[in-house]
N, C-alpha and C. Protein backbone atom coordinates (compact mmCIF):
# COMPACT_ATOMS: atom_id res chain seq x y z
N MET A 1 -17.19 -25.05 -4.09
CA MET A 1 -17.77 -23.40 -4.19
C MET A 1 -18.99 -23.46 -4.72
N ARG A 2 -19.88 -22.47 -4.17
CA ARG A 2 -21.23 -22.22 -4.55
C ARG A 2 -21.27 -21.51 -5.89
N PRO A 3 -22.17 -22.02 -6.95
CA PRO A 3 -22.12 -21.09 -8.23
C PRO A 3 -22.08 -19.72 -7.90
N THR A 4 -22.86 -19.14 -7.30
CA THR A 4 -22.86 -17.74 -7.07
C THR A 4 -21.55 -17.09 -6.56
N THR A 5 -21.05 -17.83 -5.66
CA THR A 5 -19.44 -17.67 -5.17
C THR A 5 -18.55 -17.43 -6.16
N ALA A 6 -18.65 -18.43 -7.33
CA ALA A 6 -17.77 -18.36 -8.35
C ALA A 6 -18.05 -17.22 -9.34
N GLU A 7 -19.27 -17.10 -9.53
CA GLU A 7 -19.52 -15.86 -10.24
C GLU A 7 -18.78 -14.53 -9.46
N TRP A 8 -19.05 -14.26 -8.37
CA TRP A 8 -18.72 -13.19 -7.94
C TRP A 8 -17.04 -13.40 -7.81
N VAL A 9 -16.48 -14.09 -7.86
CA VAL A 9 -15.13 -14.36 -7.89
C VAL A 9 -14.52 -13.93 -9.36
N ALA A 10 -15.16 -14.55 -10.43
CA ALA A 10 -15.28 -14.48 -11.77
C ALA A 10 -15.22 -12.86 -11.93
N LYS A 11 -16.20 -12.09 -11.59
CA LYS A 11 -16.08 -10.77 -11.85
C LYS A 11 -15.18 -9.92 -11.00
N ALA A 12 -14.79 -10.32 -9.85
CA ALA A 12 -13.68 -9.78 -9.01
C ALA A 12 -12.38 -9.97 -9.90
N GLU A 13 -12.07 -10.90 -10.58
CA GLU A 13 -11.08 -11.04 -11.22
C GLU A 13 -10.85 -10.28 -12.34
N GLU A 14 -12.02 -10.01 -13.10
CA GLU A 14 -12.17 -9.22 -14.21
C GLU A 14 -11.90 -7.53 -13.80
N ASP A 15 -12.15 -7.23 -12.47
CA ASP A 15 -11.76 -6.05 -12.17
C ASP A 15 -10.31 -5.95 -11.74
N SER A 16 -9.72 -6.94 -11.23
CA SER A 16 -8.19 -7.07 -10.86
C SER A 16 -7.58 -6.79 -12.21
N ASP A 17 -7.97 -7.76 -13.55
CA ASP A 17 -7.05 -7.64 -14.69
C ASP A 17 -7.23 -6.50 -15.21
N VAL A 18 -8.45 -5.75 -14.95
CA VAL A 18 -8.35 -4.10 -15.71
C VAL A 18 -7.74 -3.27 -14.95
N LEU A 19 -7.63 -3.48 -13.63
CA LEU A 19 -6.70 -2.47 -12.83
C LEU A 19 -5.48 -2.72 -13.16
N GLU A 20 -4.92 -4.03 -13.17
CA GLU A 20 -3.49 -4.25 -13.54
C GLU A 20 -3.01 -3.70 -14.96
N ARG A 21 -3.94 -3.92 -16.02
CA ARG A 21 -3.60 -3.47 -17.04
C ARG A 21 -3.69 -2.08 -17.34
N GLU A 22 -4.33 -1.42 -16.71
CA GLU A 22 -4.41 0.05 -16.56
C GLU A 22 -3.36 0.68 -15.84
N SER A 23 -2.87 0.14 -14.84
CA SER A 23 -1.53 0.35 -13.97
C SER A 23 -0.35 0.18 -15.04
N ARG A 24 -0.30 -0.61 -15.94
CA ARG A 24 0.83 -0.64 -16.84
C ARG A 24 0.91 0.28 -18.19
N ALA A 25 -0.42 1.06 -18.27
CA ALA A 25 -0.40 1.76 -19.16
C ALA A 25 0.58 3.01 -19.46
N ARG A 26 0.95 3.09 -20.84
CA ARG A 26 1.99 4.36 -20.68
C ARG A 26 1.31 5.56 -21.19
N ARG A 27 0.42 5.44 -21.86
CA ARG A 27 -0.27 6.66 -22.61
C ARG A 27 -1.56 6.94 -21.67
N ARG A 28 -1.90 8.06 -21.14
CA ARG A 28 -2.92 8.47 -20.53
C ARG A 28 -3.64 7.36 -19.56
N PRO A 29 -2.93 7.02 -18.43
CA PRO A 29 -3.31 5.79 -17.78
C PRO A 29 -4.56 6.66 -17.04
N ALA A 30 -5.62 5.76 -16.65
CA ALA A 30 -6.84 6.42 -16.02
C ALA A 30 -6.71 6.01 -14.69
N TYR A 31 -6.04 6.85 -13.84
CA TYR A 31 -5.82 6.72 -12.43
C TYR A 31 -7.00 6.70 -11.38
N SER A 32 -8.09 7.38 -11.66
CA SER A 32 -9.37 7.05 -11.06
C SER A 32 -9.74 5.78 -11.22
N ALA A 33 -9.74 5.55 -12.67
CA ALA A 33 -10.46 3.78 -12.83
C ALA A 33 -9.51 2.95 -12.22
N ILE A 34 -8.24 3.04 -11.95
CA ILE A 34 -7.47 2.02 -11.49
C ILE A 34 -7.78 2.06 -10.00
N GLY A 35 -8.14 2.96 -9.30
CA GLY A 35 -9.00 3.22 -7.84
C GLY A 35 -10.44 2.31 -7.95
N PHE A 36 -11.06 2.77 -8.98
CA PHE A 36 -12.45 2.19 -9.00
C PHE A 36 -12.53 0.68 -9.31
N HIS A 37 -11.63 0.24 -9.99
CA HIS A 37 -11.55 -1.29 -10.23
C HIS A 37 -10.89 -1.98 -8.75
N ALA A 38 -10.12 -1.35 -8.15
CA ALA A 38 -9.66 -1.94 -6.95
C ALA A 38 -10.67 -1.91 -6.05
N GLN A 39 -11.55 -1.01 -6.00
CA GLN A 39 -12.47 -1.09 -5.09
C GLN A 39 -13.61 -1.94 -5.49
N GLN A 40 -13.97 -2.37 -6.58
CA GLN A 40 -14.86 -3.03 -7.38
C GLN A 40 -14.24 -4.66 -6.92
N CYS A 41 -12.90 -4.82 -6.99
CA CYS A 41 -12.32 -6.16 -7.02
C CYS A 41 -12.48 -6.51 -5.47
N ALA A 42 -12.53 -5.45 -4.39
CA ALA A 42 -12.39 -5.86 -3.07
C ALA A 42 -13.98 -5.97 -2.74
N GLU A 43 -14.74 -5.41 -3.26
CA GLU A 43 -16.31 -5.60 -3.04
C GLU A 43 -16.70 -6.77 -3.45
N LYS A 44 -16.32 -7.14 -4.69
CA LYS A 44 -16.74 -8.64 -4.93
C LYS A 44 -16.37 -9.67 -4.20
N TYR A 45 -15.04 -9.68 -3.97
CA TYR A 45 -14.72 -10.54 -2.78
C TYR A 45 -15.11 -10.70 -1.59
N LEU A 46 -15.48 -9.62 -1.17
CA LEU A 46 -16.20 -9.55 0.22
C LEU A 46 -17.63 -10.15 -0.25
N LYS A 47 -18.43 -9.98 -1.23
CA LYS A 47 -19.59 -10.53 -1.51
C LYS A 47 -19.58 -12.09 -1.69
N ALA A 48 -18.48 -12.52 -2.33
CA ALA A 48 -18.22 -13.72 -2.60
C ALA A 48 -18.24 -14.58 -1.33
N ARG A 49 -17.22 -14.03 -0.24
CA ARG A 49 -17.17 -14.52 0.93
C ARG A 49 -18.60 -14.74 1.61
N LEU A 50 -19.17 -13.72 1.64
CA LEU A 50 -20.51 -13.73 2.29
C LEU A 50 -21.40 -14.75 1.54
N CYS A 51 -21.62 -14.74 0.30
CA CYS A 51 -22.13 -15.96 -0.42
C CYS A 51 -21.81 -17.20 -0.12
N GLU A 52 -20.46 -17.42 -0.13
CA GLU A 52 -20.23 -18.75 0.17
C GLU A 52 -20.48 -19.14 1.51
N ALA A 53 -20.61 -18.44 2.27
CA ALA A 53 -21.45 -18.52 3.81
C ALA A 53 -22.91 -18.85 3.78
N GLY A 54 -23.54 -18.62 2.75
CA GLY A 54 -24.90 -18.43 2.44
C GLY A 54 -25.67 -17.22 3.01
N ARG A 55 -25.04 -16.10 2.87
CA ARG A 55 -25.49 -14.88 3.16
C ARG A 55 -25.71 -14.07 1.83
N GLU A 56 -26.91 -13.49 1.90
CA GLU A 56 -26.99 -12.57 0.80
C GLU A 56 -26.31 -11.09 1.01
N PRO A 57 -25.31 -10.78 0.11
CA PRO A 57 -24.67 -9.42 0.50
C PRO A 57 -25.62 -8.25 0.38
N GLY A 58 -26.47 -8.20 -0.61
CA GLY A 58 -27.24 -7.16 -0.71
C GLY A 58 -26.51 -5.90 -1.56
N LYS A 59 -26.93 -4.71 -2.07
CA LYS A 59 -26.50 -3.89 -2.96
C LYS A 59 -25.71 -2.80 -2.13
N VAL A 60 -24.58 -3.04 -1.52
CA VAL A 60 -23.61 -2.21 -0.75
C VAL A 60 -22.42 -1.98 -1.40
N HIS A 61 -22.04 -0.57 -1.49
CA HIS A 61 -20.77 -0.53 -2.06
C HIS A 61 -19.72 0.10 -0.83
N ASP A 62 -19.91 0.32 0.25
CA ASP A 62 -19.17 0.72 1.19
C ASP A 62 -18.60 -0.78 1.78
N LEU A 63 -17.18 -0.68 1.68
CA LEU A 63 -16.27 -2.00 1.97
C LEU A 63 -16.55 -2.14 3.44
N THR A 64 -16.40 -0.90 4.33
CA THR A 64 -16.45 -1.34 5.57
C THR A 64 -17.76 -1.79 6.33
N ILE A 65 -18.75 -1.60 5.84
CA ILE A 65 -20.13 -2.21 5.81
C ILE A 65 -20.16 -3.63 5.47
N LEU A 66 -19.33 -3.85 4.52
CA LEU A 66 -19.40 -5.30 4.03
C LEU A 66 -18.61 -5.98 5.07
N LEU A 67 -17.26 -5.52 5.35
CA LEU A 67 -16.42 -6.03 6.30
C LEU A 67 -17.09 -6.36 7.60
N ASP A 68 -17.98 -5.52 7.97
CA ASP A 68 -18.89 -5.64 9.26
C ASP A 68 -19.50 -7.02 9.01
N GLN A 69 -20.15 -7.25 7.93
CA GLN A 69 -21.03 -8.33 7.65
C GLN A 69 -20.43 -9.68 7.54
N VAL A 70 -19.16 -9.70 7.43
CA VAL A 70 -18.02 -10.70 7.13
C VAL A 70 -17.24 -11.03 8.33
N ALA A 71 -17.36 -10.11 9.28
CA ALA A 71 -16.31 -10.03 10.55
C ALA A 71 -16.53 -11.45 11.31
N ASP A 72 -17.58 -11.94 11.40
CA ASP A 72 -17.53 -13.20 12.27
C ASP A 72 -16.94 -14.52 11.45
N LEU A 73 -16.79 -14.22 10.12
CA LEU A 73 -16.43 -15.64 9.28
C LEU A 73 -14.61 -15.31 9.26
N GLU A 74 -14.62 -14.09 9.01
CA GLU A 74 -12.93 -13.57 8.68
C GLU A 74 -12.58 -12.67 9.64
N PRO A 75 -12.51 -12.86 11.06
CA PRO A 75 -12.07 -11.74 11.91
C PRO A 75 -10.43 -11.18 11.57
N ALA A 76 -9.73 -11.71 11.08
CA ALA A 76 -8.48 -11.43 10.74
C ALA A 76 -8.40 -10.35 9.55
N TRP A 77 -9.59 -10.23 8.92
CA TRP A 77 -9.68 -9.12 8.02
C TRP A 77 -10.07 -7.68 8.44
N GLU A 78 -10.19 -7.63 9.95
CA GLU A 78 -10.53 -6.40 10.66
C GLU A 78 -9.18 -5.55 10.46
N LEU A 79 -7.90 -6.33 10.25
CA LEU A 79 -6.60 -5.65 10.20
C LEU A 79 -6.52 -4.79 8.81
N MET A 80 -7.43 -5.14 7.91
CA MET A 80 -7.47 -4.46 6.63
C MET A 80 -8.48 -3.36 6.71
N ARG A 81 -9.07 -3.09 7.56
CA ARG A 81 -10.20 -1.99 7.63
C ARG A 81 -9.92 -0.86 7.22
N ALA A 82 -8.79 -0.20 7.58
CA ALA A 82 -8.22 1.23 7.06
C ALA A 82 -8.10 1.00 5.33
N ASP A 83 -7.81 -0.30 4.98
CA ASP A 83 -7.46 -0.30 3.51
C ASP A 83 -8.87 -0.34 2.71
N LEU A 84 -9.71 -1.18 3.32
CA LEU A 84 -11.04 -1.10 2.78
C LEU A 84 -11.85 0.24 2.89
N ARG A 85 -11.42 0.97 3.85
CA ARG A 85 -12.24 2.23 3.99
C ARG A 85 -11.49 3.16 2.84
N PHE A 86 -10.41 3.24 2.57
CA PHE A 86 -9.60 4.02 1.73
C PHE A 86 -10.19 3.40 0.36
N LEU A 87 -10.10 2.34 -0.08
CA LEU A 87 -10.78 1.92 -1.31
C LEU A 87 -12.23 2.42 -1.58
N THR A 88 -13.05 2.50 -0.39
CA THR A 88 -14.43 2.84 -0.60
C THR A 88 -14.90 4.16 -1.47
N ASP A 89 -13.97 5.04 -1.03
CA ASP A 89 -14.18 6.32 -1.97
C ASP A 89 -13.98 6.23 -3.43
N PHE A 90 -13.44 5.13 -3.91
CA PHE A 90 -13.17 5.05 -5.37
C PHE A 90 -14.54 4.48 -5.94
N ALA A 91 -15.44 4.01 -5.14
CA ALA A 91 -16.70 3.56 -5.67
C ALA A 91 -17.61 4.62 -6.20
N VAL A 92 -17.65 5.59 -5.72
CA VAL A 92 -18.53 6.95 -6.11
C VAL A 92 -17.60 7.94 -6.24
N SER A 93 -17.15 8.57 -5.28
CA SER A 93 -16.26 9.99 -5.11
C SER A 93 -15.51 10.33 -6.55
N TYR A 94 -14.48 9.43 -6.71
CA TYR A 94 -13.69 9.43 -7.73
C TYR A 94 -14.18 9.50 -9.14
N ARG A 95 -15.50 8.78 -9.15
CA ARG A 95 -16.25 8.71 -10.51
C ARG A 95 -16.75 9.84 -10.81
N TYR A 96 -16.67 11.21 -10.22
CA TYR A 96 -17.56 12.23 -10.57
C TYR A 96 -16.55 13.63 -10.32
N PRO A 97 -16.73 14.68 -11.05
CA PRO A 97 -15.95 15.89 -10.90
C PRO A 97 -15.73 16.20 -9.28
N GLY A 98 -14.60 16.64 -8.92
CA GLY A 98 -14.23 17.14 -7.59
C GLY A 98 -13.21 16.19 -7.08
N TRP A 99 -13.02 14.81 -7.62
CA TRP A 99 -12.14 13.91 -6.95
C TRP A 99 -11.33 13.41 -7.94
N THR A 100 -9.89 13.61 -8.21
CA THR A 100 -9.18 12.92 -9.13
C THR A 100 -7.89 12.32 -8.77
N ALA A 101 -7.89 10.96 -8.86
CA ALA A 101 -6.58 10.34 -8.55
C ALA A 101 -5.61 10.46 -9.13
N ASP A 102 -4.37 10.71 -8.71
CA ASP A 102 -3.14 10.71 -9.17
C ASP A 102 -2.22 9.24 -9.41
N ARG A 103 -1.15 9.28 -9.88
CA ARG A 103 -0.40 8.02 -9.91
C ARG A 103 -0.18 7.73 -8.56
N LYS A 104 0.12 8.23 -7.76
CA LYS A 104 0.53 7.80 -6.27
C LYS A 104 -0.45 7.26 -5.57
N THR A 105 -1.77 7.90 -5.68
CA THR A 105 -3.02 7.42 -5.13
C THR A 105 -3.52 6.29 -5.78
N ALA A 106 -3.44 5.97 -7.20
CA ALA A 106 -3.97 4.90 -7.93
C ALA A 106 -2.82 3.67 -7.64
N LEU A 107 -1.89 3.76 -7.41
CA LEU A 107 -0.76 2.71 -7.15
C LEU A 107 -1.00 2.18 -5.84
N ASP A 108 -1.28 3.12 -4.76
CA ASP A 108 -1.72 2.92 -3.32
C ASP A 108 -3.03 1.85 -3.29
N ALA A 109 -4.03 2.46 -4.17
CA ALA A 109 -5.23 1.71 -4.28
C ALA A 109 -5.08 0.14 -4.92
N ARG A 110 -4.06 0.30 -5.83
CA ARG A 110 -4.02 -1.03 -6.42
C ARG A 110 -3.04 -2.03 -5.19
N GLN A 111 -2.29 -1.49 -4.55
CA GLN A 111 -1.41 -2.36 -3.44
C GLN A 111 -2.30 -2.75 -2.38
N ARG A 112 -3.32 -1.94 -2.05
CA ARG A 112 -4.23 -2.27 -1.19
C ARG A 112 -5.27 -3.43 -1.89
N CYS A 113 -5.66 -3.08 -2.91
CA CYS A 113 -6.46 -4.09 -3.54
C CYS A 113 -5.75 -5.58 -3.48
N ARG A 114 -4.50 -5.54 -4.09
CA ARG A 114 -3.76 -6.78 -4.09
C ARG A 114 -3.65 -7.46 -2.58
N THR A 115 -3.50 -6.66 -1.64
CA THR A 115 -3.36 -7.40 -0.32
C THR A 115 -4.58 -7.98 0.07
N PHE A 116 -5.74 -7.09 0.01
CA PHE A 116 -7.01 -8.01 0.41
C PHE A 116 -7.34 -9.06 -0.77
N ARG A 117 -7.00 -8.87 -1.72
CA ARG A 117 -7.29 -10.08 -2.70
C ARG A 117 -6.86 -11.45 -2.35
N ARG A 118 -5.65 -11.33 -1.99
CA ARG A 118 -4.75 -12.49 -1.54
C ARG A 118 -5.35 -13.05 -0.55
N ALA A 119 -5.81 -12.35 0.55
CA ALA A 119 -6.54 -13.03 1.71
C ALA A 119 -7.74 -13.53 1.61
N ALA A 120 -8.52 -12.69 0.63
CA ALA A 120 -9.70 -13.34 0.33
C ALA A 120 -9.64 -14.46 -0.93
N ARG A 121 -8.64 -14.56 -1.51
CA ARG A 121 -8.71 -15.82 -2.16
C ARG A 121 -8.28 -16.96 -1.18
N LEU A 122 -7.48 -16.63 -0.54
CA LEU A 122 -6.91 -17.84 0.48
C LEU A 122 -8.25 -18.49 1.47
N ALA A 123 -9.11 -17.24 1.72
CA ALA A 123 -10.13 -17.61 2.52
C ALA A 123 -11.09 -18.39 1.67
N LEU A 124 -11.31 -18.27 0.60
CA LEU A 124 -12.18 -19.06 -0.44
C LEU A 124 -11.47 -20.34 -0.99
N GLY A 125 -10.14 -20.75 -0.40
CA GLY A 125 -9.58 -21.89 -0.91
C GLY A 125 -9.13 -21.98 -2.27
N LEU A 126 -8.77 -20.58 -2.85
CA LEU A 126 -7.99 -20.41 -4.20
C LEU A 126 -6.79 -20.09 -4.00
N ARG A 127 -6.07 -20.25 -5.10
CA ARG A 127 -4.56 -19.69 -5.30
C ARG A 127 -4.55 -18.30 -4.99
N PRO A 128 -3.54 -17.78 -4.16
CA PRO A 128 -3.51 -16.30 -4.08
C PRO A 128 -3.06 -15.87 -5.36
């Protein structure tokens, strides 16, 4: 694995750890933060896959744009386009007034992230 890919994976795993910990919080869980870290985890795995192929991912937060960039490498990921589109809103919209995630939305984001994370780790030759 390329060193930069490994860095992206490490950062993605940090986001995964944070979203899982926050999902277990009993007092004042930060539902919007769960979604944000789900989006960040998916974004970093998409960028890791691009880096592993020798491509520069750029500063893009829209997961569907990143999916388009990785489509020739991982055509099966197209099946997760709707999930990645859903997660994209957490990059910015839920971070500011006007949008607030509830428990159901946060847990939905977590599950979509888990599904994509598993696929991305397998594609990178890592344990799911």
